[in-house]
Every structure is written in structure tokens, then in C-alpha cells.
Amino acid sequence: RIESLARELGMSSTRFHHHFKAVTDMSPLQFQKQLR
């Protein structure tokens, strides 16, 4: 749940997505899928 996770980390969903992809080259969903 991206919105919930972003809120817990003190970010908006958009900002969280932006910073997450800037670091990992993946969206959170892509990251989770590859781990699974």
C-alpha cells in the first residue's frame, strides 16, 4: 500500500515514488515483484 507506506515515512506518494526510482531504477511495485 504505497500511500500508507509513504505517509509513514513522511512523504507524499508522488515524492516517495520519485525518490524510490531515483535510487533503485525501479518502482516500489517492480522492486517487490522481483523479490517475490
PDB file of all heavy atoms in Angstrom:
ATOM      1  N   ARG A   1       0.857  -1.182   0.000  1.00  0.00           N
ATOM      2  CA  ARG A   1       0.000   0.000   0.000  1.00  0.00           C
ATOM      3  C   ARG A   1       0.893   1.231   0.000  1.00  0.00           C
ATOM      4  O   ARG A   1       1.391   1.668   1.045  1.00  0.00           O
ATOM      5  CB  ARG A   1      -0.935  -0.028   1.211  1.00  0.00           C
ATOM      6  CG  ARG A   1      -1.901  -1.217   1.198  1.00  0.00           C
ATOM      7  CD  ARG A   1      -2.798  -1.242   2.428  1.00  0.00           C
ATOM      8  NE  ARG A   1      -3.775  -2.325   2.358  1.00  0.00           N
ATOM      9  CZ  ARG A   1      -3.535  -3.574   2.745  1.00  0.00           C
ATOM     10  NH1 ARG A   1      -2.340  -3.896   3.239  1.00  0.00           N
ATOM     11  NH2 ARG A   1      -4.475  -4.508   2.634  1.00  0.00           N
ATOM     12  N   ILE A   2       1.111   1.762  -1.206  1.00  0.00           N
ATOM     13  CA  ILE A   2       2.072   2.847  -1.389  1.00  0.00           C
ATOM     14  C   ILE A   2       1.708   4.079  -0.559  1.00  0.00           C
ATOM     15  O   ILE A   2       2.565   4.665   0.118  1.00  0.00           O
ATOM     16  CB  ILE A   2       2.160   3.243  -2.876  1.00  0.00           C
ATOM     17  CG1 ILE A   2       2.662   2.066  -3.717  1.00  0.00           C
ATOM     18  CG2 ILE A   2       3.096   4.439  -3.039  1.00  0.00           C
ATOM     19  CD1 ILE A   2       4.062   1.634  -3.407  1.00  0.00           C
ATOM     20  N   GLU A   3       0.445   4.472  -0.589  1.00  0.00           N
ATOM     21  CA  GLU A   3       0.047   5.692   0.124  1.00  0.00           C
ATOM     22  C   GLU A   3       0.309   5.556   1.616  1.00  0.00           C
ATOM     23  O   GLU A   3       0.811   6.488   2.259  1.00  0.00           O
ATOM     24  CB  GLU A   3      -1.431   6.001  -0.135  1.00  0.00           C
ATOM     25  CG  GLU A   3      -1.717   6.447  -1.551  1.00  0.00           C
ATOM     26  CD  GLU A   3      -3.178   6.850  -1.739  1.00  0.00           C
ATOM     27  OE1 GLU A   3      -3.920   6.839  -0.732  1.00  0.00           O
ATOM     28  OE2 GLU A   3      -3.559   7.172  -2.876  1.00  0.00           O
ATOM     29  N   SER A   4       0.000   4.392   2.181  1.00  0.00           N
ATOM     30  CA  SER A   4       0.205   4.164   3.605  1.00  0.00           C
ATOM     31  C   SER A   4       1.694   4.173   3.945  1.00  0.00           C
ATOM     32  O   SER A   4       2.123   4.793   4.927  1.00  0.00           O
ATOM     33  CB  SER A   4      -0.428   2.834   4.019  1.00  0.00           C
ATOM     34  OG  SER A   4      -0.151   2.540   5.371  1.00  0.00           O
ATOM     35  N   LEU A   5       2.505   3.495   3.123  1.00  0.00           N
ATOM     36  CA  LEU A   5       3.944   3.443   3.373  1.00  0.00           C
ATOM     37  C   LEU A   5       4.565   4.827   3.257  1.00  0.00           C
ATOM     38  O   LEU A   5       5.376   5.231   4.107  1.00  0.00           O
ATOM     39  CB  LEU A   5       4.606   2.482   2.380  1.00  0.00           C
ATOM     40  CG  LEU A   5       6.135   2.340   2.480  1.00  0.00           C
ATOM     41  CD1 LEU A   5       6.560   1.899   3.871  1.00  0.00           C
ATOM     42  CD2 LEU A   5       6.639   1.357   1.417  1.00  0.00           C
ATOM     43  N   ALA A   6       4.186   5.562   2.216  1.00  0.00           N
ATOM     44  CA  ALA A   6       4.730   6.908   2.031  1.00  0.00           C
ATOM     45  C   ALA A   6       4.369   7.811   3.207  1.00  0.00           C
ATOM     46  O   ALA A   6       5.199   8.583   3.699  1.00  0.00           O
ATOM     47  CB  ALA A   6       4.211   7.498   0.722  1.00  0.00           C
ATOM     48  N   ARG A   7       3.130   7.701   3.663  1.00  0.00           N
ATOM     49  CA  ARG A   7       2.685   8.528   4.790  1.00  0.00           C
ATOM     50  C   ARG A   7       3.477   8.201   6.052  1.00  0.00           C
ATOM     51  O   ARG A   7       3.887   9.104   6.791  1.00  0.00           O
ATOM     52  CB  ARG A   7       1.191   8.315   5.025  1.00  0.00           C
ATOM     53  CG  ARG A   7       0.591   9.253   6.063  1.00  0.00           C
ATOM     54  CD  ARG A   7      -0.933   9.231   6.019  1.00  0.00           C
ATOM     55  NE  ARG A   7      -1.472   7.882   6.168  1.00  0.00           N
ATOM     56  CZ  ARG A   7      -2.062   7.213   5.182  1.00  0.00           C
ATOM     57  NH1 ARG A   7      -2.196   7.765   3.984  1.00  0.00           N
ATOM     58  NH2 ARG A   7      -2.545   5.992   5.385  1.00  0.00           N
ATOM     59  N   GLU A   8       3.724   6.909   6.295  1.00  0.00           N
ATOM     60  CA  GLU A   8       4.510   6.515   7.471  1.00  0.00           C
ATOM     61  C   GLU A   8       5.934   7.057   7.396  1.00  0.00           C
ATOM     62  O   GLU A   8       6.556   7.340   8.431  1.00  0.00           O
ATOM     63  CB  GLU A   8       4.555   4.991   7.571  1.00  0.00           C
ATOM     64  CG  GLU A   8       3.242   4.359   7.987  1.00  0.00           C
ATOM     65  CD  GLU A   8       3.343   2.846   8.040  1.00  0.00           C
ATOM     66  OE1 GLU A   8       4.444   2.354   8.393  1.00  0.00           O
ATOM     67  OE2 GLU A   8       2.357   2.173   7.712  1.00  0.00           O
ATOM     68  N   LEU A   9       6.453   7.226   6.184  1.00  0.00           N
ATOM     69  CA  LEU A   9       7.813   7.713   6.007  1.00  0.00           C
ATOM     70  C   LEU A   9       7.880   9.235   5.872  1.00  0.00           C
ATOM     71  O   LEU A   9       8.954   9.801   5.659  1.00  0.00           O
ATOM     72  CB  LEU A   9       8.435   7.065   4.762  1.00  0.00           C
ATOM     73  CG  LEU A   9       8.624   5.540   4.847  1.00  0.00           C
ATOM     74  CD1 LEU A   9       9.052   4.976   3.502  1.00  0.00           C
ATOM     75  CD2 LEU A   9       9.640   5.175   5.919  1.00  0.00           C
ATOM     76  N   GLY A  10       6.706   9.877   5.982  1.00  0.00           N
ATOM     77  CA  GLY A  10       6.682  11.330   5.948  1.00  0.00           C
ATOM     78  C   GLY A  10       6.778  11.939   4.568  1.00  0.00           C
ATOM     79  O   GLY A  10       7.292  13.047   4.395  1.00  0.00           O
ATOM     80  N   MET A  11       6.295  11.221   3.547  1.00  0.00           N
ATOM     81  CA  MET A  11       6.347  11.702   2.170  1.00  0.00           C
ATOM     82  C   MET A  11       4.986  11.570   1.518  1.00  0.00           C
ATOM     83  O   MET A  11       4.170  10.736   1.925  1.00  0.00           O
ATOM     84  CB  MET A  11       7.343  10.889   1.327  1.00  0.00           C
ATOM     85  CG  MET A  11       8.795  11.147   1.582  1.00  0.00           C
ATOM     86  SD  MET A  11       9.806  10.223   0.378  1.00  0.00           S
ATOM     87  CE  MET A  11      11.448  10.780   0.821  1.00  0.00           C
ATOM     88  N   SER A  12       4.767  12.367   0.489  1.00  0.00           N
ATOM     89  CA  SER A  12       3.602  12.146  -0.362  1.00  0.00           C
ATOM     90  C   SER A  12       3.884  10.941  -1.250  1.00  0.00           C
ATOM     91  O   SER A  12       5.044  10.564  -1.451  1.00  0.00           O
ATOM     92  CB  SER A  12       3.337  13.369  -1.239  1.00  0.00           C
ATOM     93  OG  SER A  12       4.381  13.533  -2.185  1.00  0.00           O
ATOM     94  N   SER A  13       2.842  10.330  -1.802  1.00  0.00           N
ATOM     95  CA  SER A  13       3.031   9.172  -2.686  1.00  0.00           C
ATOM     96  C   SER A  13       3.889   9.531  -3.889  1.00  0.00           C
ATOM     97  O   SER A  13       4.782   8.772  -4.292  1.00  0.00           O
ATOM     98  CB  SER A  13       1.674   8.640  -3.160  1.00  0.00           C
ATOM     99  OG  SER A  13       0.908   8.184  -2.075  1.00  0.00           O
ATOM    100  N   THR A  14       3.625  10.708  -4.461  1.00  0.00           N
ATOM    101  CA  THR A  14       4.374  11.140  -5.647  1.00  0.00           C
ATOM    102  C   THR A  14       5.852  11.326  -5.328  1.00  0.00           C
ATOM    103  O   THR A  14       6.729  10.866  -6.073  1.00  0.00           O
ATOM    104  CB  THR A  14       3.795  12.458  -6.187  1.00  0.00           C
ATOM    105  OG1 THR A  14       2.423  12.256  -6.511  1.00  0.00           O
ATOM    106  CG2 THR A  14       4.548  12.912  -7.432  1.00  0.00           C
ATOM    107  N   ARG A  15       6.138  11.985  -4.215  1.00  0.00           N
ATOM    108  CA  ARG A  15       7.531  12.228  -3.837  1.00  0.00           C
ATOM    109  C   ARG A  15       8.237  10.921  -3.492  1.00  0.00           C
ATOM    110  O   ARG A  15       9.404  10.718  -3.836  1.00  0.00           O
ATOM    111  CB  ARG A  15       7.554  13.178  -2.643  1.00  0.00           C
ATOM    112  CG  ARG A  15       8.946  13.681  -2.266  1.00  0.00           C
ATOM    113  CD  ARG A  15       8.836  14.949  -1.420  1.00  0.00           C
ATOM    114  NE  ARG A  15      10.140  15.321  -0.902  1.00  0.00           N
ATOM    115  CZ  ARG A  15      10.544  15.143   0.346  1.00  0.00           C
ATOM    116  NH1 ARG A  15       9.713  14.564   1.224  1.00  0.00           N
ATOM    117  NH2 ARG A  15      11.738  15.515   0.752  1.00  0.00           N
ATOM    118  N   PHE A  16       7.516  10.024  -2.829  1.00  0.00           N
ATOM    119  CA  PHE A  16       8.096   8.728  -2.492  1.00  0.00           C
ATOM    120  C   PHE A  16       8.466   7.953  -3.757  1.00  0.00           C
ATOM    121  O   PHE A  16       9.578   7.421  -3.880  1.00  0.00           O
ATOM    122  CB  PHE A  16       7.107   7.923  -1.648  1.00  0.00           C
ATOM    123  CG  PHE A  16       7.544   6.523  -1.353  1.00  0.00           C
ATOM    124  CD1 PHE A  16       8.646   6.262  -0.550  1.00  0.00           C
ATOM    125  CD2 PHE A  16       6.858   5.437  -1.892  1.00  0.00           C
ATOM    126  CE1 PHE A  16       9.055   4.968  -0.281  1.00  0.00           C
ATOM    127  CE2 PHE A  16       7.258   4.139  -1.631  1.00  0.00           C
ATOM    128  CZ  PHE A  16       8.358   3.904  -0.822  1.00  0.00           C
ATOM    129  N   HIS A  17       7.539   7.880  -4.709  1.00  0.00           N
ATOM    130  CA  HIS A  17       7.811   7.211  -5.983  1.00  0.00           C
ATOM    131  C   HIS A  17       9.045   7.811  -6.647  1.00  0.00           C
ATOM    132  O   HIS A  17       9.913   7.094  -7.161  1.00  0.00           O
ATOM    133  CB  HIS A  17       6.611   7.362  -6.924  1.00  0.00           C
ATOM    134  CG  HIS A  17       5.691   6.184  -6.924  1.00  0.00           C
ATOM    135  ND1 HIS A  17       5.971   5.012  -7.576  1.00  0.00           N
ATOM    136  CD2 HIS A  17       4.477   6.009  -6.346  1.00  0.00           C
ATOM    137  CE1 HIS A  17       4.976   4.160  -7.422  1.00  0.00           C
ATOM    138  NE2 HIS A  17       4.057   4.739  -6.667  1.00  0.00           N
ATOM    139  N   HIS A  18       9.109   9.130  -6.667  1.00  0.00           N
ATOM    140  CA  HIS A  18      10.182   9.842  -7.357  1.00  0.00           C
ATOM    141  C   HIS A  18      11.535   9.485  -6.750  1.00  0.00           C
ATOM    142  O   HIS A  18      12.477   9.110  -7.457  1.00  0.00           O
ATOM    143  CB  HIS A  18       9.920  11.344  -7.252  1.00  0.00           C
ATOM    144  CG  HIS A  18      10.949  12.174  -7.953  1.00  0.00           C
ATOM    145  ND1 HIS A  18      11.107  12.171  -9.312  1.00  0.00           N
ATOM    146  CD2 HIS A  18      11.886  13.033  -7.465  1.00  0.00           C
ATOM    147  CE1 HIS A  18      12.084  12.995  -9.652  1.00  0.00           C
ATOM    148  NE2 HIS A  18      12.577  13.534  -8.540  1.00  0.00           N
ATOM    149  N   HIS A  19      11.641   9.578  -5.435  1.00  0.00           N
ATOM    150  CA  HIS A  19      12.912   9.298  -4.771  1.00  0.00           C
ATOM    151  C   HIS A  19      13.256   7.814  -4.836  1.00  0.00           C
ATOM    152  O   HIS A  19      14.428   7.441  -4.992  1.00  0.00           O
ATOM    153  CB  HIS A  19      12.873   9.754  -3.311  1.00  0.00           C
ATOM    154  CG  HIS A  19      12.950  11.236  -3.140  1.00  0.00           C
ATOM    155  ND1 HIS A  19      13.929  12.000  -3.737  1.00  0.00           N
ATOM    156  CD2 HIS A  19      12.184  12.102  -2.436  1.00  0.00           C
ATOM    157  CE1 HIS A  19      13.768  13.263  -3.408  1.00  0.00           C
ATOM    158  NE2 HIS A  19      12.701  13.353  -2.624  1.00  0.00           N
ATOM    159  N   PHE A  20      12.260   6.943  -4.717  1.00  0.00           N
ATOM    160  CA  PHE A  20      12.492   5.499  -4.763  1.00  0.00           C
ATOM    161  C   PHE A  20      13.088   5.109  -6.116  1.00  0.00           C
ATOM    162  O   PHE A  20      14.087   4.380  -6.179  1.00  0.00           O
ATOM    163  CB  PHE A  20      11.181   4.750  -4.524  1.00  0.00           C
ATOM    164  CG  PHE A  20      11.354   3.277  -4.260  1.00  0.00           C
ATOM    165  CD1 PHE A  20      11.366   2.792  -2.961  1.00  0.00           C
ATOM    166  CD2 PHE A  20      11.503   2.368  -5.301  1.00  0.00           C
ATOM    167  CE1 PHE A  20      11.531   1.436  -2.697  1.00  0.00           C
ATOM    168  CE2 PHE A  20      11.667   1.017  -5.055  1.00  0.00           C
ATOM    169  CZ  PHE A  20      11.680   0.544  -3.750  1.00  0.00           C
ATOM    170  N   LYS A  21      12.507   5.611  -7.195  1.00  0.00           N
ATOM    171  CA  LYS A  21      13.011   5.251  -8.525  1.00  0.00           C
ATOM    172  C   LYS A  21      14.357   5.907  -8.805  1.00  0.00           C
ATOM    173  O   LYS A  21      15.202   5.338  -9.506  1.00  0.00           O
ATOM    174  CB  LYS A  21      11.997   5.636  -9.600  1.00  0.00           C
ATOM    175  CG  LYS A  21      12.352   5.052 -10.964  1.00  0.00           C
ATOM    176  CD  LYS A  21      11.155   4.930 -11.866  1.00  0.00           C
ATOM    177  CE  LYS A  21      11.518   4.134 -13.113  1.00  0.00           C
ATOM    178  NZ  LYS A  21      10.351   3.899 -13.993  1.00  0.00           N
ATOM    179  N   ALA A  22      14.577   7.112  -8.253  1.00  0.00           N
ATOM    180  CA  ALA A  22      15.862   7.778  -8.449  1.00  0.00           C
ATOM    181  C   ALA A  22      17.005   6.960  -7.868  1.00  0.00           C
ATOM    182  O   ALA A  22      18.119   6.955  -8.394  1.00  0.00           O
ATOM    183  CB  ALA A  22      15.840   9.163  -7.803  1.00  0.00           C
ATOM    184  N   VAL A  23      16.747   6.243  -6.790  1.00  0.00           N
ATOM    185  CA  VAL A  23      17.779   5.445  -6.131  1.00  0.00           C
ATOM    186  C   VAL A  23      17.879   4.044  -6.721  1.00  0.00           C
ATOM    187  O   VAL A  23      18.976   3.534  -6.961  1.00  0.00           O
ATOM    188  CB  VAL A  23      17.512   5.366  -4.610  1.00  0.00           C
ATOM    189  CG1 VAL A  23      18.462   4.369  -3.941  1.00  0.00           C
ATOM    190  CG2 VAL A  23      17.663   6.743  -3.967  1.00  0.00           C
ATOM    191  N   THR A  24      16.750   3.391  -6.974  1.00  0.00           N
ATOM    192  CA  THR A  24      16.747   1.959  -7.305  1.00  0.00           C
ATOM    193  C   THR A  24      16.564   1.638  -8.783  1.00  0.00           C
ATOM    194  O   THR A  24      16.748   0.482  -9.182  1.00  0.00           O
ATOM    195  CB  THR A  24      15.623   1.235  -6.544  1.00  0.00           C
ATOM    196  OG1 THR A  24      14.356   1.693  -7.040  1.00  0.00           O
ATOM    197  CG2 THR A  24      15.718   1.514  -5.042  1.00  0.00           C
ATOM    198  N   ASP A  25      16.178   2.612  -9.608  1.00  0.00           N
ATOM    199  CA  ASP A  25      15.837   2.376 -11.016  1.00  0.00           C
ATOM    200  C   ASP A  25      14.560   1.560 -11.171  1.00  0.00           C
ATOM    201  O   ASP A  25      14.267   1.046 -12.251  1.00  0.00           O
ATOM    202  CB  ASP A  25      16.964   1.663 -11.775  1.00  0.00           C
ATOM    203  CG  ASP A  25      18.170   2.557 -12.004  1.00  0.00           C
ATOM    204  OD1 ASP A  25      17.971   3.741 -12.319  1.00  0.00           O
ATOM    205  OD2 ASP A  25      19.304   2.082 -11.848  1.00  0.00           O
ATOM    206  N   MET A  26      13.800   1.387 -10.076  1.00  0.00           N
ATOM    207  CA  MET A  26      12.559   0.612 -10.109  1.00  0.00           C
ATOM    208  C   MET A  26      11.472   1.334  -9.331  1.00  0.00           C
ATOM    209  O   MET A  26      11.774   2.122  -8.430  1.00  0.00           O
ATOM    210  CB  MET A  26      12.769  -0.769  -9.455  1.00  0.00           C
ATOM    211  CG  MET A  26      13.596  -1.739 -10.253  1.00  0.00           C
ATOM    212  SD  MET A  26      13.942  -3.265  -9.307  1.00  0.00           S
ATOM    213  CE  MET A  26      15.491  -2.791  -8.536  1.00  0.00           C
ATOM    214  N   SER A  27      10.232   1.039  -9.662  1.00  0.00           N
ATOM    215  CA  SER A  27       9.126   1.486  -8.827  1.00  0.00           C
ATOM    216  C   SER A  27       9.037   0.555  -7.627  1.00  0.00           C
ATOM    217  O   SER A  27       9.572  -0.563  -7.657  1.00  0.00           O
ATOM    218  CB  SER A  27       7.813   1.443  -9.614  1.00  0.00           C
ATOM    219  OG  SER A  27       7.416   0.094  -9.827  1.00  0.00           O
ATOM    220  N   PRO A  28       8.363   0.955  -6.546  1.00  0.00           N
ATOM    221  CA  PRO A  28       8.199   0.044  -5.409  1.00  0.00           C
ATOM    222  C   PRO A  28       7.548  -1.278  -5.799  1.00  0.00           C
ATOM    223  O   PRO A  28       7.935  -2.343  -5.303  1.00  0.00           O
ATOM    224  CB  PRO A  28       7.321   0.851  -4.447  1.00  0.00           C
ATOM    225  CG  PRO A  28       7.619   2.275  -4.763  1.00  0.00           C
ATOM    226  CD  PRO A  28       7.827   2.292  -6.250  1.00  0.00           C
ATOM    227  N   LEU A  29       6.573  -1.233  -6.711  1.00  0.00           N
ATOM    228  CA  LEU A  29       5.904  -2.466  -7.132  1.00  0.00           C
ATOM    229  C   LEU A  29       6.850  -3.385  -7.903  1.00  0.00           C
ATOM    230  O   LEU A  29       6.834  -4.608  -7.723  1.00  0.00           O
ATOM    231  CB  LEU A  29       4.675  -2.138  -7.983  1.00  0.00           C
ATOM    232  CG  LEU A  29       3.449  -1.628  -7.211  1.00  0.00           C
ATOM    233  CD1 LEU A  29       2.382  -1.122  -8.183  1.00  0.00           C
ATOM    234  CD2 LEU A  29       2.874  -2.726  -6.316  1.00  0.00           C
ATOM    235  N   GLN A  30       7.681  -2.801  -8.773  1.00  0.00           N
ATOM    236  CA  GLN A  30       8.662  -3.610  -9.503  1.00  0.00           C
ATOM    237  C   GLN A  30       9.664  -4.244  -8.535  1.00  0.00           C
ATOM    238  O   GLN A  30      10.031  -5.412  -8.690  1.00  0.00           O
ATOM    239  CB  GLN A  30       9.410  -2.735 -10.514  1.00  0.00           C
ATOM    240  CG  GLN A  30       8.601  -2.330 -11.726  1.00  0.00           C
ATOM    241  CD  GLN A  30       9.374  -1.362 -12.603  1.00  0.00           C
ATOM    242  OE1 GLN A  30       9.989  -0.395 -12.118  1.00  0.00           O
ATOM    243  NE2 GLN A  30       9.364  -1.588 -13.906  1.00  0.00           N
ATOM    244  N   PHE A  31      10.090  -3.466  -7.556  1.00  0.00           N
ATOM    245  CA  PHE A  31      11.033  -3.953  -6.553  1.00  0.00           C
ATOM    246  C   PHE A  31      10.435  -5.143  -5.803  1.00  0.00           C
ATOM    247  O   PHE A  31      11.059  -6.195  -5.655  1.00  0.00           O
ATOM    248  CB  PHE A  31      11.362  -2.814  -5.582  1.00  0.00           C
ATOM    249  CG  PHE A  31      12.389  -3.152  -4.530  1.00  0.00           C
ATOM    250  CD1 PHE A  31      13.735  -2.923  -4.761  1.00  0.00           C
ATOM    251  CD2 PHE A  31      12.007  -3.686  -3.311  1.00  0.00           C
ATOM    252  CE1 PHE A  31      14.684  -3.225  -3.797  1.00  0.00           C
ATOM    253  CE2 PHE A  31      12.953  -3.990  -2.330  1.00  0.00           C
ATOM    254  CZ  PHE A  31      14.289  -3.753  -2.586  1.00  0.00           C
ATOM    255  N   GLN A  32       9.189  -4.989  -5.342  1.00  0.00           N
ATOM    256  CA  GLN A  32       8.532  -6.064  -4.613  1.00  0.00           C
ATOM    257  C   GLN A  32       8.356  -7.304  -5.496  1.00  0.00           C
ATOM    258  O   GLN A  32       8.580  -8.434  -5.055  1.00  0.00           O
ATOM    259  CB  GLN A  32       7.169  -5.605  -4.097  1.00  0.00           C
ATOM    260  CG  GLN A  32       6.447  -6.660  -3.274  1.00  0.00           C
ATOM    261  CD  GLN A  32       4.989  -6.334  -3.062  1.00  0.00           C
ATOM    262  OE1 GLN A  32       4.233  -6.131  -4.010  1.00  0.00           O
ATOM    263  NE2 GLN A  32       4.585  -6.258  -1.792  1.00  0.00           N
ATOM    264  N   LYS A  33       7.961  -7.091  -6.753  1.00  0.00           N
ATOM    265  CA  LYS A  33       7.732  -8.226  -7.648  1.00  0.00           C
ATOM    266  C   LYS A  33       9.006  -9.027  -7.862  1.00  0.00           C
ATOM    267  O   LYS A  33       8.985 -10.267  -7.834  1.00  0.00           O
ATOM    268  CB  LYS A  33       7.187  -7.730  -8.995  1.00  0.00           C
ATOM    269  CG  LYS A  33       6.917  -8.849  -9.992  1.00  0.00           C
ATOM    270  CD  LYS A  33       6.407  -8.317 -11.312  1.00  0.00           C
ATOM    271  CE  LYS A  33       4.999  -7.781 -11.183  1.00  0.00           C
ATOM    272  NZ  LYS A  33       4.413  -7.418 -12.510  1.00  0.00           N
ATOM    273  N   GLN A  34      10.140  -8.340  -8.049  1.00  0.00           N
ATOM    274  CA  GLN A  34      11.383  -9.066  -8.264  1.00  0.00           C
ATOM    275  C   GLN A  34      11.800  -9.844  -7.020  1.00  0.00           C
ATOM    276  O   GLN A  34      12.305 -10.967  -7.111  1.00  0.00           O
ATOM    277  CB  GLN A  34      12.483  -8.098  -8.706  1.00  0.00           C
ATOM    278  CG  GLN A  34      12.244  -7.545 -10.095  1.00  0.00           C
ATOM    279  CD  GLN A  34      13.491  -6.962 -10.725  1.00  0.00           C
ATOM    280  OE1 GLN A  34      14.607  -7.321 -10.381  1.00  0.00           O
ATOM    281  NE2 GLN A  34      13.304  -6.054 -11.661  1.00  0.00           N
ATOM    282  N   LEU A  35      11.591  -9.271  -5.846  1.00  0.00           N
ATOM    283  CA  LEU A  35      11.874 -10.005  -4.615  1.00  0.00           C
ATOM    284  C   LEU A  35      11.005 -11.258  -4.515  1.00  0.00           C
ATOM    285  O   LEU A  35      11.483 -12.338  -4.150  1.00  0.00           O
ATOM    286  CB  LEU A  35      11.620  -9.114  -3.397  1.00  0.00           C
ATOM    287  CG  LEU A  35      12.606  -7.981  -3.130  1.00  0.00           C
ATOM    288  CD1 LEU A  35      12.147  -7.183  -1.915  1.00  0.00           C
ATOM    289  CD2 LEU A  35      14.017  -8.506  -2.913  1.00  0.00           C
ATOM    290  N   ARG A  36       9.726 -11.115  -4.833  1.00  0.00           N
ATOM    291  CA  ARG A  36       8.807 -12.262  -4.766  1.00  0.00           C
ATOM    292  C   ARG A  36       9.222 -13.363  -5.735  1.00  0.00           C
ATOM    293  O   ARG A  36       9.244 -14.550  -5.371  1.00  0.00           O
ATOM    294  CB  ARG A  36       7.382 -11.803  -5.095  1.00  0.00           C
ATOM    295  CG  ARG A  36       6.719 -11.001  -3.989  1.00  0.00           C
ATOM    296  CD  ARG A  36       5.313 -10.579  -4.386  1.00  0.00           C
ATOM    297  NE  ARG A  36       4.580 -10.053  -3.232  1.00  0.00           N
ATOM    298  CZ  ARG A  36       3.300  -9.693  -3.265  1.00  0.00           C
ATOM    299  NH1 ARG A  36       2.615  -9.801  -4.405  1.00  0.00           N
ATOM    300  NH2 ARG A  36       2.716  -9.248  -2.172  1.00  0.00           N
TER     301      ARG A  36
END
